[in-house]
Amino acid sequence: MSASRTIDRTLAALADPHRRKAVELLGRGPLRAGELAEALKLPAPAMSRHLRALKQSGLVEETHPAFDARVRIYTLRAGAMADLKQWLADTERMWSDQLASFKTHVEKACK
């Protein structure tokens, strides 16, 4: 998948405030689906939809403990935001360069 498409999927998944909060919570460590639902004050079906979107975007992974296949534990996928982070860094650098050039132009024009 292209970096651009990966970034689009990541941003689409993070567009929802509940999914962003779920990512923040998972940043602290793995959680069961029920724990996420409770922390976000969401009913199980709604949490399931959000987790499905996060899995499809590639941001989270789901595992099942050996003792109970019904339990789902979610974790952040390592490196899942690498393309987004690179794009943000490149965009920030571009804007910094543009603003520095504009500042130079204005300073020359005011002399």
PDB file of N, CA and C in Angstrom:
ATOM      1  N   MET A   1       0.854  -1.174   0.000  1.00  0.00           N
ATOM      2  CA  MET A   1       0.000   0.000   0.000  1.00  0.00           C
ATOM      3  C   MET A   1       0.902   1.239   0.000  1.00  0.00           C
ATOM      4  N   SER A   2       0.499   2.246  -0.747  1.00  0.00           N
ATOM      5  CA  SER A   2       1.302   3.460  -0.833  1.00  0.00           C
ATOM      6  C   SER A   2       1.248   4.246   0.475  1.00  0.00           C
ATOM      7  N   ALA A   3       2.291   5.035   0.690  1.00  0.00           N
ATOM      8  CA  ALA A   3       2.342   5.853   1.905  1.00  0.00           C
ATOM      9  C   ALA A   3       1.149   6.798   1.962  1.00  0.00           C
ATOM     10  N   SER A   4       0.786   7.361   0.821  1.00  0.00           N
ATOM     11  CA  SER A   4      -0.333   8.300   0.780  1.00  0.00           C
ATOM     12  C   SER A   4      -1.641   7.626   1.205  1.00  0.00           C
ATOM     13  N   ARG A   5      -1.853   6.421   0.733  1.00  0.00           N
ATOM     14  CA  ARG A   5      -3.084   5.702   1.091  1.00  0.00           C
ATOM     15  C   ARG A   5      -3.072   5.316   2.567  1.00  0.00           C
ATOM     16  N   THR A   6      -1.908   4.924   3.072  1.00  0.00           N
ATOM     17  CA  THR A   6      -1.779   4.579   4.487  1.00  0.00           C
ATOM     18  C   THR A   6      -2.090   5.791   5.357  1.00  0.00           C
ATOM     19  N   ILE A   7      -1.567   6.947   4.969  1.00  0.00           N
ATOM     20  CA  ILE A   7      -1.830   8.189   5.712  1.00  0.00           C
ATOM     21  C   ILE A   7      -3.318   8.508   5.688  1.00  0.00           C
ATOM     22  N   ASP A   8      -3.949   8.372   4.528  1.00  0.00           N
ATOM     23  CA  ASP A   8      -5.388   8.640   4.415  1.00  0.00           C
ATOM     24  C   ASP A   8      -6.184   7.740   5.357  1.00  0.00           C
ATOM     25  N   ARG A   9      -5.842   6.450   5.398  1.00  0.00           N
ATOM     26  CA  ARG A   9      -6.552   5.506   6.270  1.00  0.00           C
ATOM     27  C   ARG A   9      -6.322   5.839   7.741  1.00  0.00           C
ATOM     28  N   THR A  10      -5.102   6.216   8.072  1.00  0.00           N
ATOM     29  CA  THR A  10      -4.790   6.561   9.461  1.00  0.00           C
ATOM     30  C   THR A  10      -5.570   7.796   9.892  1.00  0.00           C
ATOM     31  N   LEU A  11      -5.550   8.834   9.059  1.00  0.00           N
ATOM     32  CA  LEU A  11      -6.264  10.069   9.404  1.00  0.00           C
ATOM     33  C   LEU A  11      -7.766   9.830   9.476  1.00  0.00           C
ATOM     34  N   ALA A  12      -8.301   9.013   8.584  1.00  0.00           N
ATOM     35  CA  ALA A  12      -9.738   8.713   8.618  1.00  0.00           C
ATOM     36  C   ALA A  12     -10.095   7.996   9.919  1.00  0.00           C
ATOM     37  N   ALA A  13      -9.254   7.062  10.337  1.00  0.00           N
ATOM     38  CA  ALA A  13      -9.518   6.342  11.591  1.00  0.00           C
ATOM     39  C   ALA A  13      -9.431   7.274  12.790  1.00  0.00           C
ATOM     40  N   LEU A  14      -8.480   8.197  12.755  1.00  0.00           N
ATOM     41  CA  LEU A  14      -8.281   9.112  13.888  1.00  0.00           C
ATOM     42  C   LEU A  14      -9.215  10.319  13.865  1.00  0.00           C
ATOM     43  N   ALA A  15     -10.046  10.415  12.844  1.00  0.00           N
ATOM     44  CA  ALA A  15     -10.975  11.547  12.751  1.00  0.00           C
ATOM     45  C   ALA A  15     -12.037  11.497  13.847  1.00  0.00           C
ATOM     46  N   ASP A  16     -12.312  10.322  14.358  1.00  0.00           N
ATOM     47  CA  ASP A  16     -13.335  10.167  15.393  1.00  0.00           C
ATOM     48  C   ASP A  16     -12.710  10.340  16.776  1.00  0.00           C
ATOM     49  N   PRO A  17     -13.303  11.173  17.633  1.00  0.00           N
ATOM     50  CA  PRO A  17     -12.728  11.410  18.966  1.00  0.00           C
ATOM     51  C   PRO A  17     -12.672  10.157  19.848  1.00  0.00           C
ATOM     52  N   HIS A  18     -13.633   9.243  19.701  1.00  0.00           N
ATOM     53  CA  HIS A  18     -13.596   8.010  20.502  1.00  0.00           C
ATOM     54  C   HIS A  18     -12.409   7.142  20.087  1.00  0.00           C
ATOM     55  N   ARG A  19     -12.137   7.090  18.790  1.00  0.00           N
ATOM     56  CA  ARG A  19     -11.006   6.283  18.327  1.00  0.00           C
ATOM     57  C   ARG A  19      -9.686   6.917  18.753  1.00  0.00           C
ATOM     58  N   ARG A  20      -9.596   8.257  18.710  1.00  0.00           N
ATOM     59  CA  ARG A  20      -8.371   8.913  19.185  1.00  0.00           C
ATOM     60  C   ARG A  20      -8.144   8.608  20.660  1.00  0.00           C
ATOM     61  N   LYS A  21      -9.196   8.660  21.458  1.00  0.00           N
ATOM     62  CA  LYS A  21      -9.073   8.371  22.884  1.00  0.00           C
ATOM     63  C   LYS A  21      -8.678   6.900  23.098  1.00  0.00           C
ATOM     64  N   ALA A  22      -9.235   5.997  22.301  1.00  0.00           N
ATOM     65  CA  ALA A  22      -8.865   4.584  22.402  1.00  0.00           C
ATOM     66  C   ALA A  22      -7.378   4.405  22.100  1.00  0.00           C
ATOM     67  N   VAL A  23      -6.873   5.110  21.096  1.00  0.00           N
ATOM     68  CA  VAL A  23      -5.449   5.036  20.767  1.00  0.00           C
ATOM     69  C   VAL A  23      -4.616   5.575  21.929  1.00  0.00           C
ATOM     70  N   GLU A  24      -5.066   6.670  22.535  1.00  0.00           N
ATOM     71  CA  GLU A  24      -4.352   7.215  23.696  1.00  0.00           C
ATOM     72  C   GLU A  24      -4.302   6.191  24.832  1.00  0.00           C
ATOM     73  N   LEU A  25      -5.424   5.562  25.104  1.00  0.00           N
ATOM     74  CA  LEU A  25      -5.481   4.563  26.177  1.00  0.00           C
ATOM     75  C   LEU A  25      -4.585   3.370  25.856  1.00  0.00           C
ATOM     76  N   LEU A  26      -4.600   2.916  24.620  1.00  0.00           N
ATOM     77  CA  LEU A  26      -3.764   1.785  24.224  1.00  0.00           C
ATOM     78  C   LEU A  26      -2.283   2.154  24.218  1.00  0.00           C
ATOM     79  N   GLY A  27      -1.996   3.433  24.142  1.00  0.00           N
ATOM     80  CA  GLY A  27      -0.614   3.890  24.232  1.00  0.00           C
ATOM     81  C   GLY A  27      -0.015   3.615  25.608  1.00  0.00           C
ATOM     82  N   ARG A  28      -0.864   3.423  26.590  1.00  0.00           N
ATOM     83  CA  ARG A  28      -0.412   3.111  27.955  1.00  0.00           C
ATOM     84  C   ARG A  28      -0.211   1.614  28.156  1.00  0.00           C
ATOM     85  N   GLY A  29      -0.795   0.818  27.255  1.00  0.00           N
ATOM     86  CA  GLY A  29      -0.652  -0.630  27.357  1.00  0.00           C
ATOM     87  C   GLY A  29      -1.864  -1.350  26.805  1.00  0.00           C
ATOM     88  N   PRO A  30      -1.758  -2.672  26.638  1.00  0.00           N
ATOM     89  CA  PRO A  30      -2.862  -3.471  26.092  1.00  0.00           C
ATOM     90  C   PRO A  30      -4.100  -3.406  26.988  1.00  0.00           C
ATOM     91  N   LEU A  31      -5.260  -3.455  26.329  1.00  0.00           N
ATOM     92  CA  LEU A  31      -6.532  -3.449  27.057  1.00  0.00           C
ATOM     93  C   LEU A  31      -7.517  -4.386  26.381  1.00  0.00           C
ATOM     94  N   ARG A  32      -8.418  -4.935  27.192  1.00  0.00           N
ATOM     95  CA  ARG A  32      -9.518  -5.719  26.646  1.00  0.00           C
ATOM     96  C   ARG A  32     -10.550  -4.774  26.055  1.00  0.00           C
ATOM     97  N   ALA A  33     -11.333  -5.292  25.126  1.00  0.00           N
ATOM     98  CA  ALA A  33     -12.372  -4.492  24.493  1.00  0.00           C
ATOM     99  C   ALA A  33     -13.322  -3.911  25.539  1.00  0.00           C
ATOM    100  N   GLY A  34     -13.677  -4.716  26.523  1.00  0.00           N
ATOM    101  CA  GLY A  34     -14.579  -4.256  27.582  1.00  0.00           C
ATOM    102  C   GLY A  34     -13.980  -3.130  28.402  1.00  0.00           C
ATOM    103  N   GLU A  35     -12.689  -3.194  28.644  1.00  0.00           N
ATOM    104  CA  GLU A  35     -12.015  -2.121  29.393  1.00  0.00           C
ATOM    105  C   GLU A  35     -12.032  -0.816  28.606  1.00  0.00           C
ATOM    106  N   LEU A  36     -11.817  -0.930  27.308  1.00  0.00           N
ATOM    107  CA  LEU A  36     -11.878   0.269  26.464  1.00  0.00           C
ATOM    108  C   LEU A  36     -13.295   0.850  26.453  1.00  0.00           C
ATOM    109  N   ALA A  37     -14.286  -0.019  26.292  1.00  0.00           N
ATOM    110  CA  ALA A  37     -15.684   0.435  26.275  1.00  0.00           C
ATOM    111  C   ALA A  37     -16.037   1.138  27.580  1.00  0.00           C
ATOM    112  N   GLU A  38     -15.615   0.565  28.686  1.00  0.00           N
ATOM    113  CA  GLU A  38     -15.900   1.156  29.992  1.00  0.00           C
ATOM    114  C   GLU A  38     -15.212   2.519  30.132  1.00  0.00           C
ATOM    115  N   ALA A  39     -13.935   2.593  29.736  1.00  0.00           N
ATOM    116  CA  ALA A  39     -13.189   3.852  29.853  1.00  0.00           C
ATOM    117  C   ALA A  39     -13.779   4.944  28.970  1.00  0.00           C
ATOM    118  N   LEU A  40     -14.307   4.553  27.816  1.00  0.00           N
ATOM    119  CA  LEU A  40     -14.876   5.530  26.880  1.00  0.00           C
ATOM    120  C   LEU A  40     -16.366   5.735  27.091  1.00  0.00           C
ATOM    121  N   LYS A  41     -16.938   4.973  28.036  1.00  0.00           N
ATOM    122  CA  LYS A  41     -18.378   5.049  28.323  1.00  0.00           C
ATOM    123  C   LYS A  41     -19.214   4.789  27.060  1.00  0.00           C
ATOM    124  N   LEU A  42     -18.827   3.723  26.356  1.00  0.00           N
ATOM    125  CA  LEU A  42     -19.525   3.329  25.134  1.00  0.00           C
ATOM    126  C   LEU A  42     -20.139   1.944  25.306  1.00  0.00           C
ATOM    127  N   PRO A  43     -21.288   1.708  24.685  1.00  0.00           N
ATOM    128  CA  PRO A  43     -21.832   0.349  24.697  1.00  0.00           C
ATOM    129  C   PRO A  43     -20.934  -0.572  23.855  1.00  0.00           C
ATOM    130  N   ALA A  44     -20.968  -1.857  24.159  1.00  0.00           N
ATOM    131  CA  ALA A  44     -20.103  -2.827  23.480  1.00  0.00           C
ATOM    132  C   ALA A  44     -20.222  -2.784  21.950  1.00  0.00           C
ATOM    133  N   PRO A  45     -21.431  -2.701  21.376  1.00  0.00           N
ATOM    134  CA  PRO A  45     -21.511  -2.666  19.908  1.00  0.00           C
ATOM    135  C   PRO A  45     -20.802  -1.441  19.295  1.00  0.00           C
ATOM    136  N   ALA A  46     -20.916  -0.297  19.945  1.00  0.00           N
ATOM    137  CA  ALA A  46     -20.244   0.904  19.440  1.00  0.00           C
ATOM    138  C   ALA A  46     -18.729   0.749  19.544  1.00  0.00           C
ATOM    139  N   MET A  47     -18.258   0.204  20.666  1.00  0.00           N
ATOM    140  CA  MET A  47     -16.817  -0.002  20.831  1.00  0.00           C
ATOM    141  C   MET A  47     -16.303  -0.979  19.788  1.00  0.00           C
ATOM    142  N   SER A  48     -17.082  -1.997  19.508  1.00  0.00           N
ATOM    143  CA  SER A  48     -16.708  -2.987  18.500  1.00  0.00           C
ATOM    144  C   SER A  48     -16.529  -2.328  17.129  1.00  0.00           C
ATOM    145  N   ARG A  49     -17.435  -1.425  16.779  1.00  0.00           N
ATOM    146  CA  ARG A  49     -17.321  -0.704  15.486  1.00  0.00           C
ATOM    147  C   ARG A  49     -16.055   0.145  15.445  1.00  0.00           C
ATOM    148  N   HIS A  50     -15.764   0.831  16.547  1.00  0.00           N
ATOM    149  CA  HIS A  50     -14.553   1.659  16.595  1.00  0.00           C
ATOM    150  C   HIS A  50     -13.290   0.801  16.507  1.00  0.00           C
ATOM    151  N   LEU A  51     -13.282  -0.307  17.218  1.00  0.00           N
ATOM    152  CA  LEU A  51     -12.118  -1.193  17.178  1.00  0.00           C
ATOM    153  C   LEU A  51     -11.936  -1.807  15.789  1.00  0.00           C
ATOM    154  N   ARG A  52     -13.031  -2.137  15.132  1.00  0.00           N
ATOM    155  CA  ARG A  52     -12.952  -2.658  13.762  1.00  0.00           C
ATOM    156  C   ARG A  52     -12.316  -1.623  12.839  1.00  0.00           C
ATOM    157  N   ALA A  53     -12.722  -0.360  12.976  1.00  0.00           N
ATOM    158  CA  ALA A  53     -12.141   0.707  12.148  1.00  0.00           C
ATOM    159  C   ALA A  53     -10.650   0.878  12.440  1.00  0.00           C
ATOM    160  N   LEU A  54     -10.275   0.794  13.704  1.00  0.00           N
ATOM    161  CA  LEU A  54      -8.859   0.928  14.064  1.00  0.00           C
ATOM    162  C   LEU A  54      -8.032  -0.249  13.552  1.00  0.00           C
ATOM    163  N   LYS A  55      -8.615  -1.448  13.579  1.00  0.00           N
ATOM    164  CA  LYS A  55      -7.914  -2.615  13.034  1.00  0.00           C
ATOM    165  C   LYS A  55      -7.760  -2.491  11.523  1.00  0.00           C
ATOM    166  N   GLN A  56      -8.828  -2.087  10.841  1.00  0.00           N
ATOM    167  CA  GLN A  56      -8.775  -1.962   9.385  1.00  0.00           C
ATOM    168  C   GLN A  56      -7.771  -0.901   8.940  1.00  0.00           C
ATOM    169  N   SER A  57      -7.576   0.106   9.764  1.00  0.00           N
ATOM    170  CA  SER A  57      -6.611   1.150   9.429  1.00  0.00           C
ATOM    171  C   SER A  57      -5.182   0.689   9.698  1.00  0.00           C
ATOM    172  N   GLY A  58      -5.043  -0.408  10.431  1.00  0.00           N
ATOM    173  CA  GLY A  58      -3.723  -0.921  10.761  1.00  0.00           C
ATOM    174  C   GLY A  58      -3.122  -0.322  12.016  1.00  0.00           C
ATOM    175  N   LEU A  59      -3.903   0.443  12.771  1.00  0.00           N
ATOM    176  CA  LEU A  59      -3.380   1.082  13.981  1.00  0.00           C
ATOM    177  C   LEU A  59      -3.321   0.146  15.175  1.00  0.00           C
ATOM    178  N   VAL A  60      -4.252  -0.795  15.263  1.00  0.00           N
ATOM    179  CA  VAL A  60      -4.270  -1.700  16.410  1.00  0.00           C
ATOM    180  C   VAL A  60      -4.278  -3.149  15.949  1.00  0.00           C
ATOM    181  N   GLU A  61      -3.847  -4.008  16.873  1.00  0.00           N
ATOM    182  CA  GLU A  61      -3.874  -5.453  16.655  1.00  0.00           C
ATOM    183  C   GLU A  61      -4.727  -6.081  17.741  1.00  0.00           C
ATOM    184  N   GLU A  62      -5.273  -7.220  17.408  1.00  0.00           N
ATOM    185  CA  GLU A  62      -6.131  -7.959  18.333  1.00  0.00           C
ATOM    186  C   GLU A  62      -5.507  -9.326  18.589  1.00  0.00           C
ATOM    187  N   THR A  63      -5.466  -9.710  19.858  1.00  0.00           N
ATOM    188  CA  THR A  63      -5.005 -11.055  20.213  1.00  0.00           C
ATOM    189  C   THR A  63      -6.025 -11.697  21.139  1.00  0.00           C
ATOM    190  N   HIS A  64      -5.900 -13.003  21.262  1.00  0.00           N
ATOM    191  CA  HIS A  64      -6.780 -13.765  22.151  1.00  0.00           C
ATOM    192  C   HIS A  64      -5.896 -14.530  23.130  1.00  0.00           C
ATOM    193  N   PRO A  65      -6.160 -14.398  24.429  1.00  0.00           N
ATOM    194  CA  PRO A  65      -5.368 -15.191  25.374  1.00  0.00           C
ATOM    195  C   PRO A  65      -5.698 -16.679  25.221  1.00  0.00           C
ATOM    196  N   ALA A  66      -4.725 -17.510  25.495  1.00  0.00           N
ATOM    197  CA  ALA A  66      -4.907 -18.961  25.340  1.00  0.00           C
ATOM    198  C   ALA A  66      -6.027 -19.506  26.226  1.00  0.00           C
ATOM    199  N   PHE A  67      -6.259 -18.877  27.372  1.00  0.00           N
ATOM    200  CA  PHE A  67      -7.251 -19.396  28.315  1.00  0.00           C
ATOM    201  C   PHE A  67      -8.694 -19.094  27.916  1.00  0.00           C
ATOM    202  N   ASP A  68      -8.927 -18.121  27.005  1.00  0.00           N
ATOM    203  CA  ASP A  68     -10.303 -17.781  26.636  1.00  0.00           C
ATOM    204  C   ASP A  68     -10.319 -17.064  25.295  1.00  0.00           C
ATOM    205  N   ALA A  69     -10.709 -17.762  24.248  1.00  0.00           N
ATOM    206  CA  ALA A  69     -10.718 -17.191  22.894  1.00  0.00           C
ATOM    207  C   ALA A  69     -11.793 -16.117  22.733  1.00  0.00           C
ATOM    208  N   ARG A  70     -12.720 -16.024  23.670  1.00  0.00           N
ATOM    209  CA  ARG A  70     -13.756 -14.988  23.574  1.00  0.00           C
ATOM    210  C   ARG A  70     -13.227 -13.612  23.959  1.00  0.00           C
ATOM    211  N   VAL A  71     -12.162 -13.589  24.750  1.00  0.00           N
ATOM    212  CA  VAL A  71     -11.577 -12.325  25.208  1.00  0.00           C
ATOM    213  C   VAL A  71     -10.671 -11.788  24.111  1.00  0.00           C
ATOM    214  N   ARG A  72     -10.833 -10.514  23.813  1.00  0.00           N
ATOM    215  CA  ARG A  72      -9.987  -9.872  22.814  1.00  0.00           C
ATOM    216  C   ARG A  72      -9.162  -8.788  23.508  1.00  0.00           C
ATOM    217  N   ILE A  73      -7.872  -8.857  23.279  1.00  0.00           N
ATOM    218  CA  ILE A  73      -6.963  -7.868  23.853  1.00  0.00           C
ATOM    219  C   ILE A  73      -6.392  -7.049  22.701  1.00  0.00           C
ATOM    220  N   TYR A  74      -6.434  -5.734  22.860  1.00  0.00           N
ATOM    221  CA  TYR A  74      -5.992  -4.825  21.802  1.00  0.00           C
ATOM    222  C   TYR A  74      -4.706  -4.116  22.207  1.00  0.00           C
ATOM    223  N   THR A  75      -3.837  -3.967  21.227  1.00  0.00           N
ATOM    224  CA  THR A  75      -2.577  -3.242  21.408  1.00  0.00           C
ATOM    225  C   THR A  75      -2.349  -2.365  20.191  1.00  0.00           C
ATOM    226  N   LEU A  76      -1.552  -1.323  20.369  1.00  0.00           N
ATOM    227  CA  LEU A  76      -1.152  -0.507  19.228  1.00  0.00           C
ATOM    228  C   LEU A  76      -0.167  -1.301  18.389  1.00  0.00           C
ATOM    229  N   ARG A  77      -0.278  -1.179  17.087  1.00  0.00           N
ATOM    230  CA  ARG A  77       0.651  -1.857  16.181  1.00  0.00           C
ATOM    231  C   ARG A  77       1.921  -1.035  16.073  1.00  0.00           C
ATOM    232  N   ALA A  78       3.040  -1.643  16.322  1.00  0.00           N
ATOM    233  CA  ALA A  78       4.328  -0.947  16.255  1.00  0.00           C
ATOM    234  C   ALA A  78       4.552  -0.388  14.852  1.00  0.00           C
ATOM    235  N   GLY A  79       4.945   0.861  14.795  1.00  0.00           N
ATOM    236  CA  GLY A  79       5.255   1.500  13.515  1.00  0.00           C
ATOM    237  C   GLY A  79       4.050   1.865  12.670  1.00  0.00           C
ATOM    238  N   ALA A  80       2.852   1.710  13.209  1.00  0.00           N
ATOM    239  CA  ALA A  80       1.642   1.955  12.416  1.00  0.00           C
ATOM    240  C   ALA A  80       1.511   3.404  11.963  1.00  0.00           C
ATOM    241  N   MET A  81       2.120   4.316  12.698  1.00  0.00           N
ATOM    242  CA  MET A  81       1.995   5.737  12.337  1.00  0.00           C
ATOM    243  C   MET A  81       3.270   6.290  11.711  1.00  0.00           C
ATOM    244  N   ALA A  82       4.156   5.424  11.272  1.00  0.00           N
ATOM    245  CA  ALA A  82       5.433   5.886  10.723  1.00  0.00           C
ATOM    246  C   ALA A  82       5.238   6.780   9.502  1.00  0.00           C
ATOM    247  N   ASP A  83       4.373   6.369   8.574  1.00  0.00           N
ATOM    248  CA  ASP A  83       4.145   7.183   7.372  1.00  0.00           C
ATOM    249  C   ASP A  83       3.533   8.534   7.726  1.00  0.00           C
ATOM    250  N   LEU A  84       2.582   8.535   8.673  1.00  0.00           N
ATOM    251  CA  LEU A  84       1.956   9.786   9.099  1.00  0.00           C
ATOM    252  C   LEU A  84       2.984  10.696   9.763  1.00  0.00           C
ATOM    253  N   LYS A  85       3.817  10.139  10.625  1.00  0.00           N
ATOM    254  CA  LYS A  85       4.840  10.943  11.297  1.00  0.00           C
ATOM    255  C   LYS A  85       5.819  11.552  10.290  1.00  0.00           C
ATOM    256  N   GLN A  86       6.198  10.762   9.280  1.00  0.00           N
ATOM    257  CA  GLN A  86       7.110  11.272   8.257  1.00  0.00           C
ATOM    258  C   GLN A  86       6.454  12.390   7.459  1.00  0.00           C
ATOM    259  N   TRP A  87       5.186  12.200   7.102  1.00  0.00           N
ATOM    260  CA  TRP A  87       4.460  13.220   6.347  1.00  0.00           C
ATOM    261  C   TRP A  87       4.337  14.508   7.159  1.00  0.00           C
ATOM    262  N   LEU A  88       4.031  14.380   8.452  1.00  0.00           N
ATOM    263  CA  LEU A  88       3.932  15.552   9.316  1.00  0.00           C
ATOM    264  C   LEU A  88       5.273  16.277   9.423  1.00  0.00           C
ATOM    265  N   ALA A  89       6.358  15.524   9.566  1.00  0.00           N
ATOM    266  CA  ALA A  89       7.688  16.134   9.649  1.00  0.00           C
ATOM    267  C   ALA A  89       8.029  16.857   8.345  1.00  0.00           C
ATOM    268  N   ASP A  90       7.741  16.215   7.213  1.00  0.00           N
ATOM    269  CA  ASP A  90       8.015  16.838   5.909  1.00  0.00           C
ATOM    270  C   ASP A  90       7.175  18.097   5.725  1.00  0.00           C
ATOM    271  N   THR A  91       5.913  18.033   6.126  1.00  0.00           N
ATOM    272  CA  THR A  91       5.012  19.182   5.985  1.00  0.00           C
ATOM    273  C   THR A  91       5.449  20.319   6.901  1.00  0.00           C
ATOM    274  N   GLU A  92       5.838  19.996   8.117  1.00  0.00           N
ATOM    275  CA  GLU A  92       6.318  21.023   9.047  1.00  0.00           C
ATOM    276  C   GLU A  92       7.578  21.697   8.489  1.00  0.00           C
ATOM    277  N   ARG A  93       8.482  20.899   7.936  1.00  0.00           N
ATOM    278  CA  ARG A  93       9.712  21.439   7.354  1.00  0.00           C
ATOM    279  C   ARG A  93       9.388  22.368   6.171  1.00  0.00           C
ATOM    280  N   MET A  94       8.453  21.940   5.325  1.00  0.00           N
ATOM    281  CA  MET A  94       8.049  22.757   4.181  1.00  0.00           C
ATOM    282  C   MET A  94       7.472  24.091   4.646  1.00  0.00           C
ATOM    283  N   TRP A  95       6.590  24.067   5.646  1.00  0.00           N
ATOM    284  CA  TRP A  95       5.989  25.305   6.145  1.00  0.00           C
ATOM    285  C   TRP A  95       7.035  26.195   6.818  1.00  0.00           C
ATOM    286  N   SER A  96       7.941  25.597   7.553  1.00  0.00           N
ATOM    287  CA  SER A  96       9.011  26.385   8.186  1.00  0.00           C
ATOM    288  C   SER A  96       9.858  27.073   7.134  1.00  0.00           C
ATOM    289  N   ASP A  97      10.203  26.350   6.075  1.00  0.00           N
ATOM    290  CA  ASP A  97      10.982  26.937   4.978  1.00  0.00           C
ATOM    291  C   ASP A  97      10.207  28.061   4.300  1.00  0.00           C
ATOM    292  N   GLN A  98       8.922  27.835   4.062  1.00  0.00           N
ATOM    293  CA  GLN A  98       8.085  28.847   3.412  1.00  0.00           C
ATOM    294  C   GLN A  98       7.981  30.107   4.280  1.00  0.00           C
ATOM    295  N   LEU A  99       7.766  29.920   5.565  1.00  0.00           N
ATOM    296  CA  LEU A  99       7.644  31.066   6.464  1.00  0.00           C
ATOM    297  C   LEU A  99       8.970  31.816   6.600  1.00  0.00           C
ATOM    298  N   ALA A 100      10.072  31.089   6.619  1.00  0.00           N
ATOM    299  CA  ALA A 100      11.385  31.743   6.679  1.00  0.00           C
ATOM    300  C   ALA A 100      11.631  32.560   5.417  1.00  0.00           C
ATOM    301  N   SER A 101      11.264  32.014   4.266  1.00  0.00           N
ATOM    302  CA  SER A 101      11.407  32.750   3.004  1.00  0.00           C
ATOM    303  C   SER A 101      10.514  33.987   2.996  1.00  0.00           C
ATOM    304  N   PHE A 102       9.304  33.841   3.497  1.00  0.00           N
ATOM    305  CA  PHE A 102       8.379  34.977   3.544  1.00  0.00           C
ATOM    306  C   PHE A 102       8.920  36.061   4.482  1.00  0.00           C
ATOM    307  N   LYS A 103       9.448  35.654   5.622  1.00  0.00           N
ATOM    308  CA  LYS A 103      10.024  36.599   6.571  1.00  0.00           C
ATOM    309  C   LYS A 103      11.175  37.367   5.926  1.00  0.00           C
ATOM    310  N   THR A 104      12.044  36.661   5.230  1.00  0.00           N
ATOM    311  CA  THR A 104      13.164  37.287   4.532  1.00  0.00           C
ATOM    312  C   THR A 104      12.654  38.289   3.498  1.00  0.00           C
ATOM    313  N   HIS A 105      11.642  37.900   2.751  1.00  0.00           N
ATOM    314  CA  HIS A 105      11.061  38.771   1.724  1.00  0.00           C
ATOM    315  C   HIS A 105      10.482  40.043   2.353  1.00  0.00           C
ATOM    316  N   VAL A 106       9.743  39.891   3.433  1.00  0.00           N
ATOM    317  CA  VAL A 106       9.123  41.050   4.098  1.00  0.00           C
ATOM    318  C   VAL A 106      10.208  41.970   4.677  1.00  0.00           C
ATOM    319  N   GLU A 107      11.206  41.375   5.279  1.00  0.00           N
ATOM    320  CA  GLU A 107      12.285  42.185   5.861  1.00  0.00           C
ATOM    321  C   GLU A 107      13.025  42.976   4.789  1.00  0.00           C
ATOM    322  N   LYS A 108      13.252  42.394   3.630  1.00  0.00           N
ATOM    323  CA  LYS A 108      13.915  43.099   2.530  1.00  0.00           C
ATOM    324  C   LYS A 108      13.016  44.206   1.996  1.00  0.00           C
ATOM    325  N   ALA A 109      11.713  43.935   1.902  1.00  0.00           N
ATOM    326  CA  ALA A 109      10.771  44.912   1.371  1.00  0.00           C
ATOM    327  C   ALA A 109      10.602  46.103   2.297  1.00  0.00           C
ATOM    328  N   CYS A 110      10.804  45.898   3.593  1.00  0.00           N
ATOM    329  CA  CYS A 110      10.621  46.975   4.576  1.00  0.00           C
ATOM    330  C   CYS A 110      11.869  47.831   4.752  1.00  0.00           C
ATOM    331  N   LYS A 111      12.961  47.489   4.114  1.00  0.00           N
ATOM    332  CA  LYS A 111      14.202  48.263   4.274  1.00  0.00           C
ATOM    333  C   LYS A 111      14.243  49.430   3.341  1.00  0.00           C
TER     334      LYS A 111
END
